[in-house]
N, C-alpha and C. Protein backbone atom coordinates (compact mmCIF):
# COMPACT_ATOMS: atom_id res chain seq x y z
N MET A 1 -16.57 32.58 -14.84
CA MET A 1 -15.36 32.23 -15.14
C MET A 1 -15.02 31.39 -16.42
N SER A 2 -13.75 32.04 -17.01
CA SER A 2 -13.47 31.33 -18.48
C SER A 2 -13.39 30.16 -18.15
N ASP A 3 -13.36 29.71 -19.74
CA ASP A 3 -12.91 28.19 -20.12
C ASP A 3 -11.79 27.48 -19.31
N THR A 4 -10.58 28.29 -19.81
CA THR A 4 -9.37 28.74 -19.22
C THR A 4 -9.43 28.59 -18.31
N ALA A 5 -9.87 29.16 -17.14
CA ALA A 5 -9.96 29.10 -15.54
C ALA A 5 -10.65 27.75 -14.88
N ARG A 6 -12.32 27.42 -16.07
CA ARG A 6 -12.77 26.45 -15.06
C ARG A 6 -12.06 24.74 -15.38
N GLY A 7 -10.90 24.38 -16.04
CA GLY A 7 -10.37 24.23 -16.51
C GLY A 7 -9.50 23.60 -15.52
N SER A 8 -8.98 24.93 -15.08
CA SER A 8 -7.55 24.78 -14.30
C SER A 8 -8.02 24.67 -12.94
N VAL A 9 -9.22 24.67 -12.63
CA VAL A 9 -10.18 24.18 -11.56
C VAL A 9 -10.49 22.98 -11.79
N ASP A 10 -10.75 21.90 -12.45
CA ASP A 10 -11.24 20.94 -12.88
C ASP A 10 -9.92 20.06 -12.50
N HIS A 11 -9.34 21.10 -12.94
CA HIS A 11 -7.50 20.19 -12.89
C HIS A 11 -7.55 19.68 -11.43
N ARG A 12 -7.20 21.20 -11.14
CA ARG A 12 -6.62 20.94 -9.77
C ARG A 12 -7.54 20.26 -8.92
N SER A 13 -8.40 19.87 -9.06
CA SER A 13 -9.76 18.54 -7.99
C SER A 13 -9.81 17.45 -8.70
N SER A 14 -8.98 17.71 -9.82
CA SER A 14 -9.15 15.98 -10.27
C SER A 14 -7.82 15.07 -9.72
N SER A 15 -6.49 16.01 -9.98
CA SER A 15 -5.12 16.39 -9.10
C SER A 15 -5.35 15.66 -7.26
N ARG A 16 -6.29 16.32 -6.53
CA ARG A 16 -6.79 16.17 -5.62
C ARG A 16 -6.75 14.85 -4.95
N ARG A 17 -8.56 14.58 -5.62
CA ARG A 17 -8.52 13.38 -5.39
C ARG A 17 -7.62 11.65 -5.42
N LYS A 18 -6.81 12.43 -6.56
CA LYS A 18 -6.32 11.78 -7.14
C LYS A 18 -5.04 11.26 -5.73
N GLY A 19 -5.04 12.37 -5.25
CA GLY A 19 -3.38 12.72 -4.69
C GLY A 19 -3.95 11.93 -2.99
N VAL A 20 -5.51 12.25 -2.73
CA VAL A 20 -6.00 11.17 -1.59
C VAL A 20 -6.08 10.01 -1.85
N THR A 21 -6.57 9.43 -2.80
CA THR A 21 -6.33 8.18 -3.14
C THR A 21 -5.05 7.76 -2.78
N ALA A 22 -4.01 8.67 -3.57
CA ALA A 22 -3.08 7.64 -3.66
C ALA A 22 -1.81 6.89 -2.36
N ALA A 23 -2.45 8.35 -1.87
CA ALA A 23 -1.66 8.96 0.23
C ALA A 23 -2.64 7.71 0.62
N TRP A 24 -4.15 7.60 0.23
CA TRP A 24 -4.66 6.72 1.45
C TRP A 24 -3.85 4.91 1.02
N LEU A 25 -3.66 4.95 -0.23
CA LEU A 25 -3.74 3.66 -0.61
C LEU A 25 -1.90 3.31 -0.22
N ALA A 26 -0.71 4.56 -0.16
CA ALA A 26 0.88 4.53 -0.02
C ALA A 26 0.60 4.36 1.58
N ALA A 27 -0.66 4.52 2.61
CA ALA A 27 -0.55 4.47 4.09
C ALA A 27 -0.95 2.94 4.57
N VAL A 28 -1.85 2.67 4.02
CA VAL A 28 -2.01 0.81 4.20
C VAL A 28 -1.19 -0.15 3.73
N ALA A 29 -0.54 0.56 2.24
CA ALA A 29 0.37 -0.65 2.01
C ALA A 29 1.86 0.04 2.70
N ALA A 30 2.35 0.61 3.63
CA ALA A 30 3.00 1.08 4.14
C ALA A 30 3.11 0.09 5.62
N SER A 31 1.83 0.71 6.23
CA SER A 31 1.59 0.08 7.66
C SER A 31 1.49 -2.16 7.41
N MET A 32 1.57 -2.50 6.58
CA MET A 32 1.71 -3.64 7.15
C MET A 32 2.59 -4.64 6.62
N VAL A 33 3.97 -3.65 6.51
CA VAL A 33 4.73 -4.18 5.78
C VAL A 33 6.02 -3.99 7.67
N GLY A 34 6.57 -4.76 7.46
CA GLY A 34 7.25 -6.01 9.15
C GLY A 34 5.57 -6.31 9.95
N VAL A 35 4.92 -6.20 9.34
CA VAL A 35 3.69 -7.17 10.41
C VAL A 35 3.49 -8.79 9.63
N SER A 36 2.76 -9.13 10.98
CA SER A 36 2.64 -10.83 10.91
C SER A 36 1.51 -11.15 10.81
N PHE A 37 0.83 -12.13 11.39
CA PHE A 37 -1.04 -11.81 11.20
C PHE A 37 -1.29 -11.67 11.58
N ALA A 38 -1.21 -10.41 12.38
CA ALA A 38 -1.65 -8.93 13.08
C ALA A 38 -2.32 -8.79 11.61
N ALA A 39 -1.74 -8.54 10.66
CA ALA A 39 -2.13 -7.68 9.81
C ALA A 39 -3.26 -8.15 8.92
N VAL A 40 -3.75 -9.48 8.95
CA VAL A 40 -4.12 -10.06 8.52
C VAL A 40 -5.60 -9.55 7.97
N PRO A 41 -6.37 -8.80 9.00
CA PRO A 41 -7.50 -8.19 8.08
C PRO A 41 -7.39 -6.73 7.81
N LEU A 42 -6.33 -6.23 7.83
CA LEU A 42 -5.64 -5.05 7.16
C LEU A 42 -5.10 -5.28 5.69
N TYR A 43 -4.57 -6.92 5.06
CA TYR A 43 -4.52 -6.77 4.51
C TYR A 43 -5.57 -7.40 3.28
N ASP A 44 -6.40 -7.93 3.68
CA ASP A 44 -7.84 -8.08 3.21
C ASP A 44 -8.54 -6.56 2.72
N LEU A 45 -8.24 -6.22 3.34
CA LEU A 45 -8.89 -4.26 3.51
C LEU A 45 -8.30 -4.03 2.63
N PHE A 46 -7.22 -3.55 1.90
CA PHE A 46 -6.31 -3.25 1.01
C PHE A 46 -6.79 -4.51 -0.50
N CYS A 47 -6.46 -4.70 -0.40
CA CYS A 47 -6.92 -6.25 -1.19
C CYS A 47 -8.33 -5.89 -1.38
N LYS A 48 -9.19 -5.63 -0.73
CA LYS A 48 -10.76 -5.63 -1.54
C LYS A 48 -10.36 -4.28 -2.28
N VAL A 49 -10.27 -3.17 -1.79
CA VAL A 49 -9.90 -1.92 -2.11
C VAL A 49 -9.42 -1.86 -3.26
N THR A 50 -8.50 -2.47 -3.67
CA THR A 50 -7.11 -2.12 -4.91
C THR A 50 -7.63 -3.61 -6.45
N GLY A 51 -8.15 -4.83 -5.16
CA GLY A 51 -8.21 -5.58 -6.75
C GLY A 51 -6.93 -6.31 -6.35
N TYR A 52 -5.66 -5.61 -4.94
CA TYR A 52 -4.72 -6.81 -5.28
C TYR A 52 -4.54 -7.99 -5.02
N GLY A 53 -4.05 -8.58 -5.35
CA GLY A 53 -3.89 -10.06 -5.32
C GLY A 53 -4.39 -11.29 -5.45
N GLY A 54 -5.68 -10.28 -6.38
CA GLY A 54 -6.25 -12.15 -7.08
C GLY A 54 -7.74 -11.73 -6.23
N THR A 55 -8.16 -10.68 -5.39
CA THR A 55 -8.33 -11.06 -4.65
C THR A 55 -10.17 -11.33 -5.19
N THR A 56 -10.89 -12.01 -5.05
CA THR A 56 -12.41 -12.46 -5.13
C THR A 56 -13.41 -11.85 -5.07
N GLN A 57 -14.78 -12.70 -5.56
CA GLN A 57 -15.96 -11.51 -4.98
C GLN A 57 -16.62 -12.89 -4.15
N VAL A 58 -17.80 -11.88 -3.19
CA VAL A 58 -18.78 -13.17 -3.29
C VAL A 58 -19.65 -12.77 -3.65
N ALA A 59 -20.89 -13.55 -3.37
CA ALA A 59 -22.02 -13.65 -3.77
C ALA A 59 -22.88 -14.48 -3.29
N ALA A 60 -24.45 -14.18 -2.97
CA ALA A 60 -25.16 -14.95 -2.69
C ALA A 60 -25.86 -16.13 -3.92
N ALA A 61 -25.45 -15.80 -5.29
CA ALA A 61 -26.10 -17.15 -5.96
C ALA A 61 -24.99 -16.56 -7.37
N ALA A 62 -24.95 -18.23 -8.17
CA ALA A 62 -24.04 -18.01 -9.00
C ALA A 62 -25.00 -17.12 -10.55
N ALA A 63 -24.03 -16.69 -11.95
CA ALA A 63 -24.67 -16.57 -12.43
C ALA A 63 -25.30 -17.62 -13.50
N ALA A 64 -25.92 -16.55 -14.73
CA ALA A 64 -26.11 -17.64 -16.03
C ALA A 64 -25.34 -19.24 -16.79
N ARG A 65 -25.17 -19.82 -16.18
CA ARG A 65 -24.55 -20.55 -17.16
C ARG A 65 -23.76 -20.61 -18.35
N SER A 66 -22.51 -20.43 -18.74
CA SER A 66 -22.06 -21.36 -20.82
C SER A 66 -21.57 -22.37 -20.33
N GLU A 67 -21.27 -22.32 -21.81
CA GLU A 67 -21.03 -23.21 -22.16
C GLU A 67 -19.30 -23.56 -22.02
N ARG A 68 -18.50 -22.71 -22.02
CA ARG A 68 -17.12 -22.72 -22.10
C ARG A 68 -16.48 -22.71 -20.76
N LYS A 69 -15.61 -24.30 -20.84
CA LYS A 69 -15.12 -24.75 -19.66
C LYS A 69 -13.48 -24.13 -18.81
N PHE A 70 -14.17 -23.99 -17.59
CA PHE A 70 -12.39 -23.69 -17.00
C PHE A 70 -11.61 -24.53 -16.39
N THR A 71 -10.74 -25.08 -15.90
CA THR A 71 -9.65 -25.91 -14.79
C THR A 71 -9.80 -25.06 -13.56
N VAL A 72 -9.83 -25.70 -12.57
CA VAL A 72 -9.38 -24.29 -11.18
C VAL A 72 -8.87 -25.37 -10.54
N ARG A 73 -7.80 -25.12 -10.19
CA ARG A 73 -6.86 -25.72 -8.67
C ARG A 73 -6.43 -25.28 -7.85
N PHE A 74 -6.32 -26.45 -6.35
CA PHE A 74 -6.70 -25.45 -5.58
C PHE A 74 -4.93 -25.64 -4.95
N ASP A 75 -4.44 -24.76 -3.45
CA ASP A 75 -3.37 -24.76 -3.20
C ASP A 75 -3.86 -24.43 -1.56
N ALA A 76 -3.22 -25.07 -1.29
CA ALA A 76 -3.10 -24.82 1.17
C ALA A 76 -2.40 -24.60 1.41
N ASN A 77 -1.93 -24.14 2.20
CA ASN A 77 -0.72 -23.71 2.79
C ASN A 77 -0.60 -22.72 4.19
N VAL A 78 -0.36 -23.54 4.94
CA VAL A 78 -0.43 -22.18 6.57
C VAL A 78 1.25 -21.83 7.14
N ALA A 79 0.99 -21.03 7.77
CA ALA A 79 2.23 -20.07 8.17
C ALA A 79 2.73 -20.76 9.33
N ALA A 80 3.96 -20.25 9.45
CA ALA A 80 4.74 -20.39 10.62
C ALA A 80 4.01 -20.19 11.93
N GLY A 81 4.01 -21.86 12.88
CA GLY A 81 3.84 -21.75 14.14
C GLY A 81 1.89 -22.23 14.40
N MET A 82 1.51 -22.58 12.84
CA MET A 82 0.04 -22.48 12.86
C MET A 82 0.01 -24.48 13.70
N GLY A 83 0.67 -25.07 12.92
CA GLY A 83 1.03 -26.65 13.92
C GLY A 83 -0.93 -27.35 13.00
N TRP A 84 -1.03 -27.32 12.21
CA TRP A 84 -2.27 -27.61 11.55
C TRP A 84 -2.08 -28.67 10.01
N ILE A 85 -2.28 -29.79 9.77
CA ILE A 85 -2.20 -29.93 7.97
C ILE A 85 -3.19 -29.95 7.21
N PHE A 86 -2.87 -28.52 6.35
CA PHE A 86 -4.14 -28.19 5.24
C PHE A 86 -3.79 -29.10 4.07
N GLU A 87 -4.80 -29.73 3.89
CA GLU A 87 -5.04 -30.07 2.53
C GLU A 87 -5.53 -30.25 1.24
N ALA A 88 -5.46 -28.95 0.15
CA ALA A 88 -6.25 -29.22 -1.29
C ALA A 88 -6.81 -30.43 -2.05
N PRO A 89 -8.15 -29.68 -1.77
CA PRO A 89 -8.59 -31.35 -2.68
C PRO A 89 -8.11 -31.22 -4.58
N ALA A 90 -8.50 -32.18 -5.04
CA ALA A 90 -8.61 -32.08 -6.50
C ALA A 90 -8.47 -31.58 -7.16
N PRO A 91 -8.07 -30.99 -8.29
CA PRO A 91 -8.88 -29.73 -9.52
C PRO A 91 -10.05 -30.37 -10.43
N VAL A 92 -11.02 -29.22 -10.93
CA VAL A 92 -12.06 -29.61 -10.63
C VAL A 92 -11.81 -29.02 -12.19
N GLU A 93 -13.31 -29.28 -12.89
CA GLU A 93 -13.41 -28.61 -14.34
C GLU A 93 -15.17 -28.24 -13.78
N VAL A 94 -14.88 -27.01 -14.54
CA VAL A 94 -16.51 -26.10 -14.32
C VAL A 94 -17.17 -24.70 -15.72
N PHE A 95 -17.97 -25.93 -15.88
CA PHE A 95 -18.55 -24.14 -16.83
C PHE A 95 -18.76 -23.02 -16.03
N LEU A 96 -18.49 -21.90 -16.89
CA LEU A 96 -18.31 -20.88 -16.87
C LEU A 96 -20.32 -20.28 -16.11
N GLY A 97 -20.00 -19.28 -14.88
CA GLY A 97 -21.01 -19.56 -14.41
C GLY A 97 -21.98 -21.35 -12.79
N GLU A 98 -21.35 -22.34 -13.55
CA GLU A 98 -22.11 -23.07 -12.56
C GLU A 98 -21.07 -23.03 -11.39
N THR A 99 -22.15 -23.57 -10.22
CA THR A 99 -21.68 -23.44 -9.23
C THR A 99 -20.85 -25.05 -8.71
N ALA A 100 -20.30 -25.13 -8.43
CA ALA A 100 -18.85 -26.22 -8.41
C ALA A 100 -19.17 -26.24 -6.53
N LEU A 101 -18.56 -27.64 -5.90
CA LEU A 101 -18.24 -27.64 -4.23
C LEU A 101 -17.55 -28.53 -4.25
N VAL A 102 -16.61 -28.04 -3.28
CA VAL A 102 -15.18 -28.48 -3.22
C VAL A 102 -14.83 -28.69 -1.26
N ALA A 103 -14.24 -29.17 -1.00
CA ALA A 103 -13.80 -29.07 0.10
C ALA A 103 -12.66 -29.29 0.48
N TYR A 104 -11.61 -28.77 1.49
CA TYR A 104 -10.03 -28.83 2.19
C TYR A 104 -10.24 -29.10 3.23
N LYS A 105 -8.75 -30.05 3.74
CA LYS A 105 -9.30 -30.69 5.06
C LYS A 105 -7.83 -30.06 5.62
N ALA A 106 -8.09 -29.84 7.16
CA ALA A 106 -7.24 -29.38 7.92
C ALA A 106 -7.32 -30.68 9.64
N ARG A 107 -5.85 -30.77 9.87
CA ARG A 107 -5.68 -31.16 11.01
C ARG A 107 -4.77 -30.64 11.91
N ASN A 108 -5.36 -30.49 13.49
CA ASN A 108 -4.47 -29.99 14.37
C ASN A 108 -3.24 -30.95 14.64
N ILE A 109 -2.42 -31.03 14.77
CA ILE A 109 -1.25 -31.90 14.96
C ILE A 109 -0.78 -31.27 16.33
N THR A 110 -1.47 -30.52 17.46
CA THR A 110 -0.48 -30.03 18.25
C THR A 110 -1.23 -30.69 19.34
N ASN A 111 -1.00 -30.60 20.85
CA ASN A 111 -1.58 -30.53 21.92
C ASN A 111 -2.97 -29.94 22.76
N ARG A 112 -2.50 -28.78 21.94
CA ARG A 112 -3.66 -27.86 21.70
C ARG A 112 -4.43 -26.98 21.71
N PRO A 113 -5.29 -26.53 21.77
CA PRO A 113 -6.56 -25.91 20.66
C PRO A 113 -6.19 -25.40 19.79
N VAL A 114 -6.46 -25.03 18.32
CA VAL A 114 -6.28 -23.52 17.46
C VAL A 114 -6.84 -23.05 17.12
N LEU A 115 -6.43 -21.72 16.88
CA LEU A 115 -7.84 -21.41 15.84
C LEU A 115 -7.55 -20.54 14.65
N GLY A 116 -7.70 -20.71 13.87
CA GLY A 116 -6.77 -19.76 12.48
C GLY A 116 -8.05 -19.19 12.03
N THR A 117 -7.85 -18.13 11.18
CA THR A 117 -7.96 -17.33 10.23
C THR A 117 -7.60 -17.62 8.66
N ALA A 118 -7.81 -17.77 7.21
CA ALA A 118 -7.77 -18.31 6.50
C ALA A 118 -8.07 -16.68 5.23
N THR A 119 -6.59 -16.52 4.36
CA THR A 119 -7.09 -15.80 3.53
C THR A 119 -6.78 -16.28 2.73
N HIS A 120 -6.91 -15.78 1.18
CA HIS A 120 -7.11 -16.45 -0.42
C HIS A 120 -6.23 -15.27 -1.42
N ASN A 121 -6.41 -16.49 -2.23
CA ASN A 121 -6.25 -15.02 -3.44
C ASN A 121 -6.06 -16.02 -4.92
N VAL A 122 -6.01 -15.16 -5.39
CA VAL A 122 -6.21 -16.17 -7.14
C VAL A 122 -5.45 -16.31 -8.38
N VAL A 123 -5.05 -17.18 -8.81
CA VAL A 123 -3.68 -16.46 -9.67
C VAL A 123 -4.09 -17.53 -11.24
N PRO A 124 -3.95 -16.52 -12.33
CA PRO A 124 -3.72 -15.53 -12.55
C PRO A 124 -4.61 -13.98 -11.49
N PHE A 125 -3.82 -12.92 -11.38
CA PHE A 125 -4.35 -12.13 -10.26
C PHE A 125 -5.97 -11.57 -10.57
N GLN A 126 -5.37 -11.27 -12.31
CA GLN A 126 -6.78 -10.30 -13.19
C GLN A 126 -7.60 -11.27 -13.39
N ALA A 127 -7.22 -12.31 -12.95
CA ALA A 127 -8.71 -13.50 -13.02
C ALA A 127 -9.28 -13.13 -11.50
N GLY A 128 -9.36 -12.56 -10.37
CA GLY A 128 -9.75 -12.31 -8.99
C GLY A 128 -11.03 -12.09 -9.06
N PRO A 129 -11.15 -10.75 -10.19
CA PRO A 129 -12.74 -10.18 -10.39
C PRO A 129 -13.98 -11.35 -10.72
N TYR A 130 -13.30 -12.30 -11.51
CA TYR A 130 -14.18 -12.91 -11.79
C TYR A 130 -14.90 -14.72 -10.66
N PHE A 131 -13.92 -14.60 -10.59
CA PHE A 131 -14.49 -15.72 -9.45
C PHE A 131 -14.90 -15.40 -8.24
N THR A 132 -16.09 -15.68 -8.20
CA THR A 132 -17.14 -15.76 -7.28
C THR A 132 -16.94 -16.91 -5.92
N LYS A 133 -16.50 -16.81 -4.78
CA LYS A 133 -17.63 -17.20 -3.38
C LYS A 133 -18.79 -17.23 -2.69
N VAL A 134 -19.75 -18.19 -3.24
CA VAL A 134 -21.03 -18.16 -2.75
C VAL A 134 -21.00 -18.80 -1.35
N ALA A 135 -20.61 -19.58 -0.76
CA ALA A 135 -20.06 -19.98 0.17
C ALA A 135 -17.86 -20.25 0.34
N CYS A 136 -17.55 -19.81 2.04
CA CYS A 136 -16.08 -20.34 2.58
C CYS A 136 -16.03 -20.14 3.34
N PHE A 137 -14.93 -21.45 3.95
CA PHE A 137 -14.45 -21.41 5.39
C PHE A 137 -14.00 -19.83 5.60
N CYS A 138 -13.36 -19.24 4.81
CA CYS A 138 -12.75 -18.14 4.71
C CYS A 138 -13.24 -17.49 5.54
N PHE A 139 -15.05 -17.28 5.88
CA PHE A 139 -15.71 -16.12 6.08
C PHE A 139 -15.71 -15.98 7.61
N THR A 140 -15.20 -17.20 8.14
CA THR A 140 -15.02 -17.04 9.98
C THR A 140 -13.90 -17.70 10.47
N GLU A 141 -13.64 -17.70 11.33
CA GLU A 141 -12.71 -17.62 12.17
C GLU A 141 -12.54 -19.50 12.06
N GLN A 142 -11.77 -20.51 12.57
CA GLN A 142 -11.83 -21.86 12.67
C GLN A 142 -10.91 -22.23 13.83
N LEU A 143 -11.47 -23.31 14.90
CA LEU A 143 -11.20 -23.61 15.77
C LEU A 143 -11.39 -25.30 15.21
N LEU A 144 -10.32 -25.72 16.05
CA LEU A 144 -9.64 -27.26 16.01
C LEU A 144 -9.38 -27.53 16.53
N MET A 145 -9.34 -28.79 17.88
CA MET A 145 -9.13 -28.84 18.98
C MET A 145 -8.04 -30.05 18.69
N PRO A 146 -7.03 -30.41 20.05
CA PRO A 146 -6.15 -31.09 19.23
C PRO A 146 -6.21 -32.28 18.88
N GLY A 147 -6.12 -32.63 18.05
CA GLY A 147 -6.37 -34.11 16.91
C GLY A 147 -6.65 -33.73 16.04
N GLU A 148 -7.37 -32.79 16.07
CA GLU A 148 -9.13 -32.89 15.41
C GLU A 148 -8.74 -32.41 14.34
N GLU A 149 -9.95 -33.59 13.10
CA GLU A 149 -9.40 -32.64 12.25
C GLU A 149 -10.78 -33.06 11.17
N LYS A 150 -11.09 -31.91 10.54
CA LYS A 150 -12.22 -30.70 9.75
C LYS A 150 -11.91 -31.06 8.02
N GLU A 151 -13.25 -30.92 6.93
CA GLU A 151 -13.14 -30.57 5.70
C GLU A 151 -13.92 -29.22 6.06
N PHE A 152 -13.69 -28.56 5.40
CA PHE A 152 -13.66 -26.67 4.39
C PHE A 152 -14.48 -27.09 3.40
N PRO A 153 -15.56 -26.43 3.47
CA PRO A 153 -16.31 -26.33 1.72
C PRO A 153 -15.86 -25.56 1.41
N VAL A 154 -15.86 -24.98 0.75
CA VAL A 154 -16.17 -23.82 -0.65
C VAL A 154 -17.26 -24.03 -1.67
N SER A 155 -17.94 -23.14 -2.09
CA SER A 155 -18.96 -23.31 -2.77
C SER A 155 -18.01 -21.93 -3.63
N PHE A 156 -18.27 -22.04 -5.25
CA PHE A 156 -17.94 -20.62 -6.34
C PHE A 156 -18.47 -20.84 -7.64
N PHE A 157 -18.30 -19.75 -8.63
CA PHE A 157 -18.18 -20.17 -9.68
C PHE A 157 -17.67 -19.12 -10.10
N VAL A 158 -17.27 -19.27 -11.86
CA VAL A 158 -16.50 -18.07 -12.57
C VAL A 158 -17.58 -17.62 -13.39
N ASP A 159 -17.70 -16.34 -13.10
CA ASP A 159 -18.69 -15.43 -13.97
C ASP A 159 -18.49 -15.71 -15.06
N PRO A 160 -19.68 -15.91 -15.63
CA PRO A 160 -19.37 -15.87 -17.25
C PRO A 160 -19.07 -14.33 -18.32
N ALA A 161 -19.26 -13.28 -16.84
CA ALA A 161 -18.52 -12.23 -17.66
C ALA A 161 -17.13 -12.75 -17.90
N ILE A 162 -15.97 -12.92 -17.76
CA ILE A 162 -15.04 -13.76 -17.95
C ILE A 162 -14.92 -13.96 -18.98
N ALA A 163 -15.75 -14.11 -19.72
CA ALA A 163 -15.24 -14.83 -21.09
C ALA A 163 -15.83 -13.25 -22.57
N GLU A 164 -16.49 -11.77 -22.24
CA GLU A 164 -16.55 -10.94 -22.82
C GLU A 164 -15.07 -10.01 -21.91
N ASP A 165 -14.05 -10.52 -21.44
CA ASP A 165 -13.20 -9.68 -20.90
C ASP A 165 -12.11 -9.77 -21.99
N HIS A 166 -11.59 -9.38 -22.66
CA HIS A 166 -10.80 -9.79 -23.71
C HIS A 166 -9.91 -9.29 -23.61
N GLU A 167 -8.99 -9.58 -21.86
CA GLU A 167 -7.23 -9.25 -21.66
C GLU A 167 -7.67 -10.59 -20.95
N GLN A 168 -8.56 -11.27 -20.65
CA GLN A 168 -8.99 -12.77 -19.81
C GLN A 168 -8.47 -14.20 -21.08
N ARG A 169 -8.31 -13.36 -22.47
CA ARG A 169 -8.59 -13.96 -23.75
C ARG A 169 -8.26 -15.61 -23.78
N GLY A 170 -6.69 -15.22 -22.91
CA GLY A 170 -6.02 -16.45 -23.33
C GLY A 170 -6.16 -17.33 -21.75
N ILE A 171 -6.79 -17.05 -20.64
CA ILE A 171 -7.12 -17.84 -19.63
C ILE A 171 -8.05 -18.60 -19.56
N SER A 172 -7.52 -19.95 -19.00
CA SER A 172 -8.49 -21.17 -18.94
C SER A 172 -8.73 -22.20 -17.91
N SER A 173 -7.91 -21.23 -16.68
CA SER A 173 -7.23 -22.39 -16.05
C SER A 173 -7.06 -21.11 -14.92
N ILE A 174 -7.58 -21.42 -13.00
CA ILE A 174 -7.30 -20.71 -12.37
C ILE A 174 -6.98 -21.19 -11.06
N THR A 175 -5.87 -20.70 -10.14
CA THR A 175 -5.92 -21.44 -9.11
C THR A 175 -6.17 -20.55 -7.48
N LEU A 176 -6.57 -21.18 -7.11
CA LEU A 176 -7.89 -21.09 -5.83
C LEU A 176 -6.91 -21.08 -4.63
N SER A 177 -6.23 -20.05 -4.47
CA SER A 177 -5.15 -20.15 -3.42
C SER A 177 -5.55 -19.94 -1.21
N TYR A 178 -5.40 -21.30 -0.50
CA TYR A 178 -5.99 -20.68 0.85
C TYR A 178 -4.77 -20.78 1.83
N THR A 179 -4.12 -19.84 2.70
CA THR A 179 -3.43 -19.73 3.71
C THR A 179 -3.55 -19.26 5.46
N PHE A 180 -3.53 -20.55 6.27
CA PHE A 180 -3.80 -20.20 7.42
C PHE A 180 -3.08 -20.32 8.24
N PHE A 181 -3.29 -19.00 9.41
CA PHE A 181 -3.08 -17.76 9.72
C PHE A 181 -3.27 -18.56 11.62
N ASN A 182 -1.92 -18.30 12.88
CA ASN A 182 -3.33 -18.89 13.92
C ASN A 182 -3.44 -17.76 14.21
N LYS A 183 -4.38 -17.33 15.25
CA LYS A 183 -4.96 -16.13 15.09
C LYS A 183 -4.51 -15.72 17.08
N GLY A 184 -3.73 -16.24 17.26
CA GLY A 184 -2.98 -16.86 18.59
C GLY A 184 -3.54 -16.98 20.35
N PRO A 185 -2.96 -16.46 20.84
CA PRO A 185 -4.06 -16.51 22.58
C PRO A 185 -5.00 -16.07 23.12
N ASP A 186 -4.30 -14.87 22.43
CA ASP A 186 -5.72 -13.61 23.24
C ASP A 186 -7.34 -14.16 22.57
N ALA A 187 -6.91 -14.50 21.01
CA ALA A 187 -8.40 -14.30 20.38
C ALA A 187 -9.08 -15.57 20.89
N LEU A 188 -8.17 -16.31 20.67
CA LEU A 188 -8.74 -17.92 21.37
C LEU A 188 -9.05 -17.52 22.79
N LYS A 189 -8.76 -17.61 23.45
CA LYS A 189 -9.01 -17.65 24.47
C LYS A 189 -11.16 -16.35 24.90
N LYS A 190 -11.17 -15.74 23.59
CA LYS A 190 -12.06 -14.78 24.00
C LYS A 190 -13.30 -16.06 22.42
N TYR A 191 -12.62 -16.15 21.78
CA TYR A 191 -13.51 -16.80 21.17
C TYR A 191 -14.58 -18.53 21.51
N LEU A 192 -13.27 -18.62 22.85
CA LEU A 192 -13.92 -20.15 23.79
C LEU A 192 -14.92 -19.36 24.33
N ALA A 193 -14.62 -18.87 24.84
CA ALA A 193 -15.76 -17.74 26.26
C ALA A 193 -17.07 -17.25 25.37
N ASN A 194 -16.61 -17.16 24.12
CA ASN A 194 -18.03 -16.29 23.48
C ASN A 194 -18.86 -17.56 23.28
N THR A 195 -17.97 -18.97 22.81
CA THR A 195 -18.23 -20.04 22.43
C THR A 195 -19.41 -20.73 23.50
N THR A 196 -18.81 -20.86 25.25
CA THR A 196 -19.06 -20.93 25.96
C THR A 196 -20.57 -20.46 26.50
N THR A 197 -20.22 -19.23 25.87
CA THR A 197 -21.94 -18.10 26.51
C THR A 197 -22.51 -18.90 26.12
N ALA A 198 -22.28 -18.80 24.88
CA ALA A 198 -23.75 -18.90 23.48
C ALA A 198 -24.05 -20.53 23.92
N ALA A 199 -23.55 -21.45 24.10
CA ALA A 199 -23.95 -22.60 24.48
C ALA A 199 -24.36 -22.74 25.78
N ALA A 200 -24.57 -21.96 26.79
CA ALA A 200 -25.44 -21.78 28.32
C ALA A 200 -26.56 -21.30 27.66
N GLN A 201 -26.31 -20.59 26.93
CA GLN A 201 -27.33 -19.36 26.30
C GLN A 201 -28.92 -20.48 25.93
N ALA A 202 -28.11 -21.14 25.18
CA ALA A 202 -28.92 -22.14 24.67
C ALA A 202 -29.41 -23.63 25.18
N ASP A 203 -28.76 -23.97 26.02
CA ASP A 203 -29.58 -25.04 26.65
C ASP A 203 -30.08 -24.71 27.47
N ARG A 204 -29.95 -22.74 28.15
CA ARG A 204 -31.06 -22.00 28.98
C ARG A 204 -32.93 -22.03 28.21
N ASN A 205 -32.42 -21.82 27.09
CA ASN A 205 -33.69 -21.64 26.11
C ASN A 205 -34.47 -23.12 25.81
N ALA A 206 -33.34 -23.74 25.79
CA ALA A 206 -33.97 -24.66 25.61
C ALA A 206 -35.14 -26.47 26.83
N GLY A 207 -34.39 -25.10 27.92
CA GLY A 207 -34.82 -25.52 29.28
C GLY A 207 -33.85 -26.63 30.40
N ASN A 208 -32.74 -26.77 29.74
CA ASN A 208 -31.37 -27.67 30.56
C ASN A 208 -30.77 -26.45 31.06
N PRO A 209 -31.24 -26.79 32.29
CA PRO A 209 -30.30 -25.53 33.02
C PRO A 209 -28.82 -26.39 33.56
N GLN A 210 -28.09 -25.54 33.91
CA GLN A 210 -26.87 -25.49 34.11
C GLN A 210 -26.05 -26.67 34.95
């Protein structure tokens, strides 16, 4: 095969791969239009694949600490129909690579149980890949009974690699924002059933018959 022919084949292969990727992303984006809380898992997947919306990273441990400091601010929001008061913690200053722990607060002001799930992003968006959560309430669904109040901790660090990224040179503060969505009655019913089953099994294992 000549160099010209090989180059033509490589170009078509590259274009085909790009076309498939673009089509997949377009399909995901289109499917999100007009969808409410039911699209939360799909939106999270879209953000993780594309890096859209300041999607953060997850780690088991912090990186090596740097002497450069960042200010981290926090924002709390609830979607319509949530029935919660959701409060953000005060800003903190952290060294790059230093693990910090803060706690959000939420209270159910309705007369019924509410099961919620939280989405998150980071501003500025381009700093998202460097903001790494070690532990977060957003990893699981959260239940609040009528009138119940809970603290929701978040453990995180800012990756020191941000200091080596020339595009992040002017950034010295990051805002972490969470929005809680109501999972709805069907998800709540399933969650409560699973919780009851797990509690009954734990009692049986402990020798406490029902």
